[in-house]
């Protein structure tokens, strides 16, 4: 009876583990190589292709199909288990091109071994009484895959993390093989030792994981890490060197405390200076509450709604000592309302208009973020603005990423009749651009700026709209949901920027 239960359980577990590996590798590749659409497409394609090859070659192992399935579990558990540690290691030691090849090589091996699993189990019907063999095997394998896709975003990623998840499921895979080995081929004790040896390798990595991750993270971020949190949406890392605190989301720097005021003051106080009565202000992004800190300096503002997709950012803004010092406890102010929701969804569902809307969202480095700079997104922003309202969005670096900056400007002009661009030099980032838009003419900068600003003055406010002679709005297409061309602009600019720095030129 136990034998009849064990094999179906093995099918389910094998399907579960294989899909978890594929998701882990895809997510890790997205973190380290960027462009999630490309990474998931490449990895899924190679995974399915190699599964087909594995399925083809499985026919040569019909005679000892169950024993070979057991060995496949040992190998798959080892390769899947060390997949994420290998990606971490190669990221800090090789070029992006080499890392991409490593990632595809890992997923090819995983797919090859996975492709052998189902055929081998169907062949094993000669050894095991398994009625309706093919349909049962496939259904259980697919159910395992479904469970994997459910537990990955809601349990594994936010609570376990990529590194530990790969090791844990590798161990599960190998334990499955050992169990089958003991039940069906107990006499093959050397085979069991092979599985035990593989588990020993993964257990060693489990016990050394904390130290290894610390070494690799320090190589990645260059400075001492004071916060390292993985959520369902992103990896949040904070570093501190002397008095400079830096926040990274998925390895992309969000601010440096030494000069973030050169970003946040222009982002907030330029649009506020154009509005006579900015009673209600909406901030999209900015969960660390540095933007709301600046809005609170304008005593005319009565309500600030901050919309960020990741509630962990709100929690950190209220509890993390480093952030509390920088945001001046803005997240706990009675005028500030924190809303954990996707910006796109919020704008679509909201029915109350705002005087000023501020987009403090990350750069359009992937498909999900590119939509937040689309014509459709800006149309929803307009729907949420009062007739005399003002909208401003951060628009990226204006020299090295001029086409992204220009694309945002061009796309906004499809929605608003009045669009004005301005910029601010930030030592940690470069010459940063902003685009402000409204249905009315944007000319009134007469409102007095708060006295406690560190950087922005009335003169500096006017100068912000003057661009250097060698920087202008480039001719670009319109970014839309259907055709997110801004992502291509971003990736092309990033590659050129990286190439320039690697060759020693700027």
Foldseek 3Di string as FASTA:
>chain_A
DVVQVLLLVLLLLLLQLLLLLLVLLLVLCCLLVNASVVSNVLLVVLLQVLLVVLLVVLVVVLVPLLLVLLVLLLVLLLLQLCVNVVLLVCSLPHDNVVSSVSSSVSSSSSSNSSSNNLVSQLSCCVVPVQPPRNVSSVVSSVVSSVVNVVCVLPPCQQPPNSNRVSLVSSLVSLVSSLVSCCVPPVVPVVSNVSSVVSNVVSVVCVVCVVVSVLVSVCSLVVAAWPDWGTHSVWTWTWGDDPHWIWIDTSSHTQDILVFCLLVLVLLAQLQVLQDPQQAEEEEEDPLLQQNLLQVVLPVSYQAYEYEAQDCVSVVCSQDPPSSCVRNVNSSPDPRYHYHNNHLQVCLVPDDAAGQEYGYSDDQPRYLVVLQCLALVVLQSNQNRHDQFHKYKYWQAACPLLVQSSLQSQVQNVVRAVEKAKFWGQTVVGGITIMIMGHNDYRDRSPDARRPPRDDDDSVNSVCRRDDDPVTDRDDDDGAHSVHSCSNVSVVVSVVVVVVQVVVPHD
